[in-house]
Amino acid sequence: MASTTDPAESGSVDAPGLEPGGGVPPGETPPDTGQTSGLSHPQPMPGRVGPIVALTAIAVIVLALVCFFVARAFSLF
């Protein structure tokens, strides 16, 4: 069974706040941006131990690999 009404127009007559032609009067829509400013609480400072441990571990691994390949290069001569 086919519908004879346009789906875009269904319910638009009963919608509150619409002006003739489908416009909306000022004050009927919420503002574009929130009305809060600033932070609600201070942000915690990130810890320094994690990055130091990670960088130290990476440096040790890289140094071990360099030593391994240097030892292999000298043992091949």
Protein backbone atom coordinates (compact mmCIF):
# COMPACT_ATOMS: atom_id res chain seq x y z
CA MET A 1 0.00 0.00 0.00
CA ALA A 2 1.54 3.31 -1.06
CA SER A 3 1.51 6.39 1.13
CA THR A 4 0.18 9.59 -0.41
CA THR A 5 1.78 12.01 2.06
CA ASP A 6 5.33 13.27 1.78
CA PRO A 7 7.46 11.91 4.69
CA ALA A 8 9.27 15.24 4.99
CA GLU A 9 6.01 17.01 5.75
CA SER A 10 4.48 14.46 8.09
CA GLY A 11 4.35 15.83 11.61
CA SER A 12 5.68 19.27 10.68
CA VAL A 13 2.28 20.86 11.19
CA ASP A 14 2.09 19.63 14.78
CA ALA A 15 5.70 20.47 15.67
CA PRO A 16 5.88 23.21 18.34
CA GLY A 17 7.89 26.35 17.70
CA LEU A 18 7.74 26.34 13.91
CA GLU A 19 6.84 29.50 12.07
CA PRO A 20 5.06 29.44 8.73
CA GLY A 21 7.51 28.21 6.11
CA GLY A 22 9.39 26.01 8.57
CA GLY A 23 11.52 28.64 10.29
CA VAL A 24 12.27 28.66 14.00
CA PRO A 25 11.87 31.83 16.07
CA PRO A 26 14.82 33.14 18.12
CA GLY A 27 15.10 31.51 21.53
CA GLU A 28 13.64 28.17 20.43
CA THR A 29 17.04 26.55 19.81
CA PRO A 30 19.85 25.93 22.31
CA PRO A 31 23.03 28.03 22.07
CA ASP A 32 25.86 26.88 19.80
CA THR A 33 28.45 26.49 22.54
CA GLY A 34 28.44 25.50 26.17
CA GLN A 35 28.22 28.18 28.81
CA THR A 36 31.06 26.85 30.97
CA SER A 37 34.56 28.22 30.94
CA GLY A 38 37.77 26.92 32.42
CA LEU A 39 38.43 23.59 34.07
CA SER A 40 36.29 22.07 36.77
CA HIS A 41 39.36 20.96 38.72
CA PRO A 42 43.13 21.22 38.31
CA GLN A 43 44.70 18.57 36.12
CA PRO A 44 47.15 16.25 37.88
CA MET A 45 50.80 16.39 36.91
CA PRO A 46 51.96 13.25 35.10
CA GLY A 47 54.57 11.14 36.85
CA ARG A 48 58.21 11.33 35.83
CA VAL A 49 59.22 7.79 36.80
CA GLY A 50 57.50 6.00 33.89
CA PRO A 51 59.15 7.89 31.04
CA ILE A 52 62.58 7.71 32.71
CA VAL A 53 62.30 3.94 33.18
CA ALA A 54 61.07 3.46 29.59
CA LEU A 55 63.86 5.57 28.08
CA THR A 56 66.47 3.80 30.20
CA ALA A 57 65.19 0.38 29.11
CA ILE A 58 65.25 1.41 25.44
CA ALA A 59 68.79 2.79 25.83
CA VAL A 60 70.00 -0.45 27.44
CA ILE A 61 68.46 -2.56 24.66
CA VAL A 62 69.96 -0.38 21.93
CA LEU A 63 73.38 -0.44 23.62
CA ALA A 64 73.23 -4.23 23.95
CA LEU A 65 72.35 -4.60 20.26
CA VAL A 66 75.17 -2.27 19.22
CA CYS A 67 77.64 -4.21 21.36
CA PHE A 68 76.39 -7.50 19.91
CA PHE A 69 76.81 -6.38 16.30
CA VAL A 70 80.20 -4.78 16.95
CA ALA A 71 81.39 -8.03 18.58
CA ARG A 72 80.07 -10.04 15.61
CA ALA A 73 81.80 -7.71 13.14
CA PHE A 74 85.18 -8.04 14.88
CA SER A 75 84.91 -11.80 15.25
CA LEU A 76 84.31 -12.22 11.50
CA PHE A 77 87.65 -10.60 10.56
